[in-house]
Amino acid sequence: MEKYEKAGTKMLDRWSIMTFERNISLSCHKVTQPDPTEKSSIAHQYEDSVLAHLTNILQSDQESVVLSSAK
């Protein structure tokens, strides 16, 4: 502690930030959200698609079908 009490100080870099306001007009694009039933329908379609591709991968003996479904 004695060393710290006797230690000198050093000036460090000092930073200052100047801010100002400026009016910027941005065009607002209204984002429309799909209704919950549409979201549910989209999710079910995706699930059905994934299920179909996995079924093709697991049940097919043809390499081309497996590769196509994996893509």
Protein backbone atom coordinates (compact mmCIF):
# COMPACT_ATOMS: atom_id res chain seq x y z
CA MET A 1 0.00 0.00 0.00
CA GLU A 2 2.89 2.35 0.70
CA LYS A 3 4.06 2.08 -2.92
CA TYR A 4 0.60 3.04 -4.14
CA GLU A 5 0.42 6.00 -1.77
CA LYS A 6 3.76 7.34 -3.05
CA ALA A 7 3.07 6.58 -6.71
CA GLY A 8 2.74 9.44 -9.15
CA THR A 9 -0.12 9.97 -11.51
CA LYS A 10 0.04 9.90 -15.29
CA MET A 11 -2.25 11.69 -17.64
CA LEU A 12 -4.13 9.33 -19.87
CA ASP A 13 -5.86 10.00 -23.13
CA ARG A 14 -9.12 11.80 -22.64
CA TRP A 15 -12.04 11.42 -24.94
CA SER A 16 -15.02 13.58 -25.44
CA ILE A 17 -18.00 12.96 -27.63
CA MET A 18 -20.06 15.70 -29.14
CA THR A 19 -23.58 14.83 -30.17
CA PHE A 20 -26.15 16.78 -32.06
CA GLU A 21 -29.62 16.11 -33.37
CA ARG A 22 -30.56 16.30 -36.96
CA ASN A 23 -33.91 15.65 -38.56
CA ILE A 24 -33.77 12.75 -40.95
CA SER A 25 -36.91 11.75 -42.73
CA LEU A 26 -37.17 8.04 -43.25
CA SER A 27 -39.94 6.41 -45.14
CA CYS A 28 -41.80 4.01 -42.91
CA HIS A 29 -42.62 0.64 -44.34
CA LYS A 30 -45.45 -1.06 -42.57
CA VAL A 31 -44.66 -4.69 -41.94
CA THR A 32 -47.67 -6.91 -42.00
CA GLN A 33 -47.68 -9.99 -39.87
CA PRO A 34 -49.53 -13.06 -41.08
CA ASP A 35 -52.48 -14.01 -38.97
CA PRO A 36 -52.01 -16.94 -36.53
CA THR A 37 -53.95 -19.38 -38.69
CA GLU A 38 -51.71 -18.58 -41.66
CA LYS A 39 -48.60 -19.06 -39.48
CA SER A 40 -49.95 -22.40 -38.33
CA SER A 41 -50.69 -23.44 -41.90
CA ILE A 42 -47.19 -22.50 -43.04
CA ALA A 43 -45.67 -24.43 -40.14
CA HIS A 44 -47.73 -27.52 -40.98
CA GLN A 45 -46.72 -27.32 -44.64
CA TYR A 46 -43.06 -27.13 -43.60
CA GLU A 47 -43.43 -30.06 -41.21
CA ASP A 48 -45.12 -32.12 -43.93
CA SER A 49 -42.33 -31.27 -46.38
CA VAL A 50 -39.61 -32.23 -43.88
CA LEU A 51 -41.43 -35.46 -43.07
CA ALA A 52 -41.72 -36.34 -46.76
CA HIS A 53 -38.03 -35.71 -47.38
CA LEU A 54 -36.98 -37.75 -44.34
CA THR A 55 -39.24 -40.59 -45.42
CA ASN A 56 -37.65 -40.52 -48.88
CA ILE A 57 -34.17 -40.59 -47.37
CA LEU A 58 -34.94 -43.49 -45.05
CA GLN A 59 -36.96 -45.65 -47.43
CA SER A 60 -35.32 -45.14 -50.81
CA ASP A 61 -32.70 -47.42 -52.26
CA GLN A 62 -31.87 -44.97 -55.04
CA GLU A 63 -28.96 -42.65 -54.40
CA SER A 64 -30.44 -39.89 -56.59
CA VAL A 65 -33.66 -39.79 -54.51
CA VAL A 66 -31.70 -39.66 -51.26
CA LEU A 67 -29.47 -36.86 -52.50
CA SER A 68 -32.42 -34.90 -53.87
CA SER A 69 -34.32 -35.14 -50.59
CA ALA A 70 -31.24 -34.25 -48.59
CA LYS A 71 -30.85 -31.01 -50.52
